[in-house]
């Protein structure tokens, strides 16, 4: 009985130590903040794609509000492996919601206000908060 308890405690301590280490190197949320006076749409994609990854469109963010773009895996892994080094955010004006294009034509949409590209180093410098003003 004591051996099983000791083993359980050892496994628990190892798992706890691993999760503490992971917190420093793994971000599962990028906070998107809208500090503008109007509502905006924000979408993201990898830098190697010509269009957007339609599964990752967070939608409308009201003026003065924020949105947590969450990932089950670490954003660092997604950016460095899947996205080949950079994530791209597209900012659209509010009229975008009424004229939402299909995924294949989104890259040609003229309602893109701004396009920004971020590496992991860029996001670390911003404390994983992307702000639109």
N, C-alpha and C. Protein backbone atom coordinates (compact mmCIF):
# COMPACT_ATOMS: atom_id res chain seq x y z
N UNK A 1 0.82 -1.19 0.00
CA UNK A 1 0.00 0.00 0.00
C UNK A 1 0.87 1.26 0.00
N UNK A 2 1.91 1.27 0.85
CA UNK A 2 2.78 2.43 0.92
C UNK A 2 3.55 2.61 -0.38
N UNK A 3 3.91 1.50 -1.01
CA UNK A 3 4.62 1.58 -2.29
C UNK A 3 3.75 2.22 -3.36
N UNK A 4 2.49 1.81 -3.42
CA UNK A 4 1.57 2.37 -4.41
C UNK A 4 1.37 3.87 -4.17
N UNK A 5 1.25 4.24 -2.92
CA UNK A 5 1.09 5.66 -2.59
C UNK A 5 2.34 6.44 -2.97
N UNK A 6 3.49 5.86 -2.69
CA UNK A 6 4.76 6.50 -3.04
C UNK A 6 4.89 6.64 -4.56
N UNK A 7 4.53 5.61 -5.30
CA UNK A 7 4.57 5.68 -6.76
C UNK A 7 3.61 6.74 -7.29
N UNK A 8 2.42 6.76 -6.71
CA UNK A 8 1.44 7.77 -7.13
C UNK A 8 1.98 9.17 -6.89
N UNK A 9 2.58 9.40 -5.73
CA UNK A 9 3.14 10.72 -5.42
C UNK A 9 4.27 11.08 -6.36
N UNK A 10 5.10 10.13 -6.71
CA UNK A 10 6.21 10.38 -7.62
C UNK A 10 5.67 10.75 -9.01
N UNK A 11 4.71 10.01 -9.51
CA UNK A 11 4.12 10.30 -10.81
C UNK A 11 3.45 11.67 -10.79
N UNK A 12 2.74 11.97 -9.72
CA UNK A 12 2.07 13.26 -9.59
C UNK A 12 3.09 14.40 -9.60
N UNK A 13 4.19 14.24 -8.91
CA UNK A 13 5.22 15.28 -8.85
C UNK A 13 5.87 15.48 -10.22
N UNK A 14 6.12 14.40 -10.93
CA UNK A 14 6.72 14.49 -12.26
C UNK A 14 5.78 15.21 -13.22
N UNK A 15 4.51 14.83 -13.20
CA UNK A 15 3.54 15.48 -14.08
C UNK A 15 3.36 16.96 -13.73
N UNK A 16 3.36 17.28 -12.46
CA UNK A 16 3.25 18.67 -12.04
C UNK A 16 4.46 19.47 -12.50
N UNK A 17 5.64 18.91 -12.37
CA UNK A 17 6.86 19.59 -12.80
C UNK A 17 6.85 19.82 -14.30
N UNK A 18 6.38 18.84 -15.07
CA UNK A 18 6.30 18.99 -16.52
C UNK A 18 5.31 20.07 -16.92
N UNK A 19 4.18 20.14 -16.24
CA UNK A 19 3.20 21.16 -16.59
C UNK A 19 3.70 22.55 -16.24
N UNK A 20 4.51 22.68 -15.20
CA UNK A 20 5.09 23.98 -14.87
C UNK A 20 6.08 24.42 -15.94
N UNK A 21 6.86 23.49 -16.44
CA UNK A 21 7.81 23.82 -17.50
C UNK A 21 7.09 24.20 -18.77
N UNK A 22 6.00 23.52 -19.06
CA UNK A 22 5.27 23.77 -20.29
C UNK A 22 4.67 25.17 -20.31
N UNK A 23 4.29 25.70 -19.17
CA UNK A 23 3.64 27.00 -19.13
C UNK A 23 4.52 28.11 -19.68
N UNK A 24 5.82 28.00 -19.51
CA UNK A 24 6.72 29.03 -19.99
C UNK A 24 6.92 28.98 -21.50
N UNK A 25 6.81 27.80 -22.07
CA UNK A 25 7.12 27.62 -23.48
C UNK A 25 5.91 27.36 -24.35
N UNK A 26 4.72 27.37 -23.77
CA UNK A 26 3.53 27.00 -24.52
C UNK A 26 2.43 28.02 -24.27
N UNK A 27 1.99 28.64 -25.34
CA UNK A 27 0.86 29.57 -25.26
C UNK A 27 -0.29 28.98 -26.06
N UNK A 28 -1.41 28.85 -25.43
CA UNK A 28 -2.59 28.30 -26.11
C UNK A 28 -3.60 29.38 -26.48
N UNK A 29 -3.30 30.63 -26.13
CA UNK A 29 -4.21 31.74 -26.41
C UNK A 29 -3.45 32.92 -26.98
N UNK A 30 -3.99 33.48 -28.04
CA UNK A 30 -3.56 34.80 -28.51
C UNK A 30 -4.76 35.71 -28.27
N UNK A 31 -4.57 36.74 -27.49
CA UNK A 31 -5.64 37.68 -27.20
C UNK A 31 -5.67 38.73 -28.31
N UNK A 32 -6.84 38.88 -28.93
CA UNK A 32 -7.05 39.86 -29.98
C UNK A 32 -7.88 40.99 -29.39
N UNK A 33 -7.35 42.20 -29.40
CA UNK A 33 -8.00 43.34 -28.77
C UNK A 33 -8.36 44.37 -29.84
N UNK A 34 -9.60 44.84 -29.79
CA UNK A 34 -10.05 45.88 -30.71
C UNK A 34 -10.11 47.21 -29.95
N UNK A 35 -9.10 48.05 -30.12
CA UNK A 35 -9.08 49.37 -29.49
C UNK A 35 -9.53 50.46 -30.45
N UNK A 36 -10.18 50.09 -31.53
CA UNK A 36 -10.65 51.09 -32.48
C UNK A 36 -12.04 51.56 -32.06
N UNK A 37 -12.59 52.51 -32.82
CA UNK A 37 -13.92 53.03 -32.49
C UNK A 37 -15.03 52.26 -33.20
N UNK A 38 -14.66 51.34 -34.09
CA UNK A 38 -15.65 50.55 -34.82
C UNK A 38 -15.46 49.07 -34.61
N UNK A 39 -16.48 48.31 -34.94
CA UNK A 39 -16.40 46.86 -34.86
C UNK A 39 -15.55 46.35 -36.03
N UNK A 40 -14.83 45.27 -35.78
CA UNK A 40 -13.98 44.67 -36.82
C UNK A 40 -14.11 43.16 -36.81
N UNK A 41 -13.76 42.58 -37.93
CA UNK A 41 -13.60 41.14 -38.04
C UNK A 41 -12.11 40.85 -38.08
N UNK A 42 -11.70 39.79 -37.42
CA UNK A 42 -10.30 39.37 -37.48
C UNK A 42 -10.27 37.90 -37.88
N UNK A 43 -9.41 37.57 -38.82
CA UNK A 43 -9.23 36.19 -39.24
C UNK A 43 -7.73 35.92 -39.28
N UNK A 44 -7.37 34.65 -39.18
CA UNK A 44 -5.95 34.29 -39.18
C UNK A 44 -5.66 33.19 -40.16
N UNK A 45 -4.37 33.11 -40.51
CA UNK A 45 -3.91 32.09 -41.44
C UNK A 45 -2.42 31.90 -41.25
N UNK A 46 -1.90 30.85 -41.80
CA UNK A 46 -0.47 30.68 -41.85
C UNK A 46 0.11 31.51 -42.99
N UNK A 47 1.35 31.89 -42.87
CA UNK A 47 1.96 32.75 -43.88
C UNK A 47 2.13 32.05 -45.22
N UNK A 48 2.12 30.72 -45.24
CA UNK A 48 2.35 30.01 -46.49
C UNK A 48 1.07 29.85 -47.30
N UNK A 49 -0.09 30.16 -46.70
CA UNK A 49 -1.36 30.02 -47.41
C UNK A 49 -1.66 31.28 -48.21
N UNK A 50 -2.32 31.11 -49.33
CA UNK A 50 -2.74 32.26 -50.12
C UNK A 50 -4.03 32.87 -49.57
N UNK A 51 -4.82 32.08 -48.90
CA UNK A 51 -6.08 32.55 -48.33
C UNK A 51 -6.10 32.33 -46.84
N UNK A 52 -7.26 32.18 -46.26
CA UNK A 52 -7.40 31.99 -44.82
C UNK A 52 -7.70 30.55 -44.50
N UNK A 53 -7.33 30.16 -43.31
CA UNK A 53 -7.73 28.88 -42.76
C UNK A 53 -9.13 29.10 -42.19
N UNK A 54 -10.13 28.71 -42.91
CA UNK A 54 -11.51 29.07 -42.55
C UNK A 54 -11.97 28.51 -41.22
N UNK A 55 -11.32 27.51 -40.72
CA UNK A 55 -11.69 26.95 -39.42
C UNK A 55 -11.30 27.86 -38.27
N UNK A 56 -10.47 28.87 -38.53
CA UNK A 56 -9.93 29.69 -37.46
C UNK A 56 -10.47 31.12 -37.44
N UNK A 57 -11.56 31.39 -38.13
CA UNK A 57 -12.07 32.75 -38.16
C UNK A 57 -12.86 33.01 -36.88
N UNK A 58 -12.38 33.92 -36.03
CA UNK A 58 -13.06 34.17 -34.75
C UNK A 58 -14.32 35.00 -34.89
N UNK A 59 -14.42 35.84 -35.90
CA UNK A 59 -15.62 36.62 -36.09
C UNK A 59 -15.51 38.05 -35.61
N UNK A 60 -16.67 38.67 -35.42
CA UNK A 60 -16.76 40.09 -35.10
C UNK A 60 -16.27 40.37 -33.68
N UNK A 61 -15.44 41.40 -33.57
CA UNK A 61 -15.00 41.87 -32.25
C UNK A 61 -15.45 43.33 -32.15
N UNK A 62 -16.33 43.59 -31.21
CA UNK A 62 -16.88 44.93 -31.04
C UNK A 62 -15.80 45.90 -30.55
N UNK A 63 -16.04 47.19 -30.80
CA UNK A 63 -15.11 48.23 -30.35
C UNK A 63 -14.92 48.12 -28.84
N UNK A 64 -13.67 48.15 -28.42
CA UNK A 64 -13.35 48.07 -27.00
C UNK A 64 -13.38 46.67 -26.41
N UNK A 65 -13.65 45.67 -27.22
CA UNK A 65 -13.74 44.29 -26.73
C UNK A 65 -12.51 43.49 -27.16
N UNK A 66 -12.42 42.27 -26.66
CA UNK A 66 -11.32 41.38 -27.02
C UNK A 66 -11.86 39.98 -27.27
N UNK A 67 -11.01 39.16 -27.86
CA UNK A 67 -11.36 37.78 -28.17
C UNK A 67 -10.13 36.93 -27.91
N UNK A 68 -10.30 35.81 -27.21
CA UNK A 68 -9.21 34.87 -26.97
C UNK A 68 -9.24 33.80 -28.05
N UNK A 69 -8.25 33.83 -28.92
CA UNK A 69 -8.13 32.83 -29.97
C UNK A 69 -7.38 31.65 -29.38
N UNK A 70 -8.14 30.64 -28.99
CA UNK A 70 -7.58 29.50 -28.26
C UNK A 70 -7.22 28.36 -29.20
N UNK A 71 -6.22 27.61 -28.78
CA UNK A 71 -5.72 26.49 -29.54
C UNK A 71 -5.53 25.31 -28.57
N UNK A 72 -5.82 24.12 -29.00
CA UNK A 72 -5.59 22.94 -28.14
C UNK A 72 -4.11 22.61 -28.02
N UNK A 73 -3.37 22.95 -29.05
CA UNK A 73 -1.93 22.74 -29.03
C UNK A 73 -1.27 24.09 -28.78
N UNK A 74 0.03 24.08 -28.61
CA UNK A 74 0.75 25.33 -28.39
C UNK A 74 0.78 26.14 -29.68
N UNK A 75 0.54 27.43 -29.55
CA UNK A 75 0.63 28.31 -30.71
C UNK A 75 2.04 28.28 -31.30
N UNK A 76 3.03 28.14 -30.44
CA UNK A 76 4.41 28.08 -30.93
C UNK A 76 4.58 26.94 -31.93
N UNK A 77 4.01 25.78 -31.60
CA UNK A 77 4.10 24.63 -32.51
C UNK A 77 3.33 24.89 -33.80
N UNK A 78 2.13 25.44 -33.68
CA UNK A 78 1.32 25.72 -34.87
C UNK A 78 2.05 26.70 -35.79
N UNK A 79 2.60 27.76 -35.21
CA UNK A 79 3.27 28.78 -36.02
C UNK A 79 4.54 28.24 -36.65
N UNK A 80 5.37 27.59 -35.86
CA UNK A 80 6.68 27.14 -36.36
C UNK A 80 6.61 25.92 -37.25
N UNK A 81 5.64 25.06 -37.03
CA UNK A 81 5.57 23.84 -37.84
C UNK A 81 4.53 23.95 -38.94
N UNK A 82 3.28 24.09 -38.55
CA UNK A 82 2.19 24.10 -39.52
C UNK A 82 2.20 25.36 -40.38
N UNK A 83 2.45 26.50 -39.75
CA UNK A 83 2.40 27.78 -40.46
C UNK A 83 3.76 28.21 -40.99
N UNK A 84 4.75 27.39 -40.86
CA UNK A 84 6.09 27.64 -41.41
C UNK A 84 6.69 28.96 -40.95
N UNK A 85 6.49 29.29 -39.66
CA UNK A 85 7.22 30.40 -39.06
C UNK A 85 6.47 31.68 -38.77
N UNK A 86 5.25 31.83 -39.27
CA UNK A 86 4.53 33.08 -39.01
C UNK A 86 3.03 32.88 -39.13
N UNK A 87 2.29 33.60 -38.30
CA UNK A 87 0.84 33.65 -38.39
C UNK A 87 0.46 35.01 -38.95
N UNK A 88 -0.57 35.02 -39.79
CA UNK A 88 -1.02 36.25 -40.42
C UNK A 88 -2.42 36.57 -39.91
N UNK A 89 -2.62 37.81 -39.48
CA UNK A 89 -3.94 38.27 -39.08
C UNK A 89 -4.46 39.25 -40.12
N UNK A 90 -5.72 39.05 -40.50
CA UNK A 90 -6.40 39.93 -41.44
C UNK A 90 -7.47 40.70 -40.67
N UNK A 91 -7.52 42.00 -40.85
CA UNK A 91 -8.49 42.85 -40.19
C UNK A 91 -9.47 43.37 -41.25
N UNK A 92 -10.76 43.18 -41.00
CA UNK A 92 -11.81 43.58 -41.92
C UNK A 92 -12.73 44.59 -41.23
N UNK A 93 -13.36 45.46 -42.02
CA UNK A 93 -14.33 46.37 -41.42
C UNK A 93 -15.64 45.63 -41.15
N UNK A 94 -16.55 46.30 -40.48
CA UNK A 94 -17.80 45.67 -40.04
C UNK A 94 -18.65 45.17 -41.20
N UNK A 95 -18.57 45.82 -42.35
CA UNK A 95 -19.39 45.42 -43.49
C UNK A 95 -19.05 44.01 -43.99
N UNK A 96 -17.91 43.52 -43.58
CA UNK A 96 -17.47 42.17 -43.97
C UNK A 96 -18.49 41.11 -43.58
N UNK A 97 -19.15 41.30 -42.41
CA UNK A 97 -20.09 40.28 -41.92
C UNK A 97 -21.27 40.08 -42.86
N UNK A 98 -21.65 41.13 -43.60
CA UNK A 98 -22.78 41.03 -44.53
C UNK A 98 -22.37 40.46 -45.88
N UNK A 99 -21.10 40.44 -46.17
CA UNK A 99 -20.60 39.98 -47.46
C UNK A 99 -19.54 38.91 -47.29
N UNK A 100 -19.76 38.00 -46.36
CA UNK A 100 -18.76 36.99 -46.05
C UNK A 100 -18.52 36.10 -47.27
N UNK A 101 -17.30 36.13 -47.82
CA UNK A 101 -17.01 35.33 -49.02
C UNK A 101 -16.71 33.88 -48.67
N UNK A 102 -16.70 33.03 -49.69
CA UNK A 102 -16.29 31.66 -49.43
C UNK A 102 -14.78 31.63 -49.21
N UNK A 103 -14.31 30.54 -48.69
CA UNK A 103 -12.91 30.45 -48.27
C UNK A 103 -11.92 30.59 -49.42
N UNK A 104 -12.31 30.14 -50.61
CA UNK A 104 -11.39 30.22 -51.74
C UNK A 104 -11.20 31.64 -52.25
N UNK A 105 -12.19 32.50 -52.06
CA UNK A 105 -12.08 33.85 -52.61
C UNK A 105 -11.71 34.89 -51.56
N UNK A 106 -11.57 34.49 -50.31
CA UNK A 106 -11.34 35.47 -49.24
C UNK A 106 -10.05 36.25 -49.43
N UNK A 107 -9.05 35.63 -50.02
CA UNK A 107 -7.79 36.32 -50.22
C UNK A 107 -7.91 37.46 -51.22
N UNK A 108 -8.96 37.43 -52.04
CA UNK A 108 -9.15 38.48 -53.04
C UNK A 108 -10.11 39.57 -52.55
N UNK A 109 -10.63 39.41 -51.34
CA UNK A 109 -11.62 40.33 -50.81
C UNK A 109 -11.00 41.70 -50.59
N UNK A 110 -11.68 42.73 -51.06
CA UNK A 110 -11.17 44.09 -50.97
C UNK A 110 -11.48 44.75 -49.64
N UNK A 111 -12.21 44.10 -48.75
CA UNK A 111 -12.55 44.73 -47.48
C UNK A 111 -11.48 44.52 -46.41
N UNK A 112 -10.34 43.98 -46.78
CA UNK A 112 -9.24 43.84 -45.82
C UNK A 112 -8.69 45.23 -45.51
N UNK A 113 -8.76 45.62 -44.25
CA UNK A 113 -8.24 46.92 -43.83
C UNK A 113 -6.73 46.84 -43.65
N UNK A 114 -6.32 45.74 -43.04
CA UNK A 114 -4.90 45.60 -42.71
C UNK A 114 -4.54 44.12 -42.63
N UNK A 115 -3.30 43.81 -42.96
CA UNK A 115 -2.76 42.45 -42.87
C UNK A 115 -1.48 42.56 -42.06
N UNK A 116 -1.36 41.73 -41.00
CA UNK A 116 -0.16 41.74 -40.15
C UNK A 116 0.38 40.33 -40.01
N UNK A 117 1.70 40.23 -40.03
CA UNK A 117 2.37 38.94 -39.89
C UNK A 117 3.19 38.95 -38.60
N UNK A 118 3.07 37.86 -37.82
CA UNK A 118 3.77 37.75 -36.55
C UNK A 118 4.51 36.42 -36.45
N UNK A 119 5.74 36.48 -35.99
CA UNK A 119 6.49 35.27 -35.63
C UNK A 119 6.27 35.01 -34.14
N UNK A 120 6.76 33.89 -33.66
CA UNK A 120 6.69 33.60 -32.22
C UNK A 120 7.43 34.67 -31.43
N UNK A 121 8.56 35.11 -31.94
CA UNK A 121 9.34 36.15 -31.25
C UNK A 121 8.54 37.46 -31.18
N UNK A 122 7.86 37.81 -32.25
CA UNK A 122 7.01 39.00 -32.25
C UNK A 122 5.92 38.90 -31.18
N UNK A 123 5.26 37.74 -31.13
CA UNK A 123 4.18 37.55 -30.16
C UNK A 123 4.69 37.53 -28.73
N UNK A 124 5.88 36.96 -28.53
CA UNK A 124 6.47 37.00 -27.18
C UNK A 124 6.70 38.45 -26.74
N UNK A 125 7.18 39.27 -27.66
CA UNK A 125 7.43 40.68 -27.35
C UNK A 125 6.14 41.42 -27.02
N UNK A 126 5.02 40.97 -27.60
CA UNK A 126 3.72 41.58 -27.36
C UNK A 126 2.95 40.91 -26.23
N UNK A 127 3.60 39.97 -25.55
CA UNK A 127 2.96 39.20 -24.48
C UNK A 127 1.70 38.49 -24.99
N UNK A 128 1.73 38.07 -26.23
CA UNK A 128 0.67 37.29 -26.89
C UNK A 128 -0.66 38.06 -26.93
N UNK A 129 -0.56 39.38 -27.09
CA UNK A 129 -1.74 40.24 -27.24
C UNK A 129 -1.58 41.03 -28.54
N UNK A 130 -2.49 40.82 -29.48
CA UNK A 130 -2.49 41.55 -30.75
C UNK A 130 -3.59 42.61 -30.64
N UNK A 131 -3.19 43.87 -30.81
CA UNK A 131 -4.14 44.97 -30.64
C UNK A 131 -4.34 45.70 -31.96
N UNK A 132 -5.61 45.91 -32.29
CA UNK A 132 -5.95 46.71 -33.46
C UNK A 132 -6.45 48.06 -32.97
N UNK A 133 -5.92 49.14 -33.59
CA UNK A 133 -6.32 50.49 -33.16
C UNK A 133 -6.87 51.28 -34.31
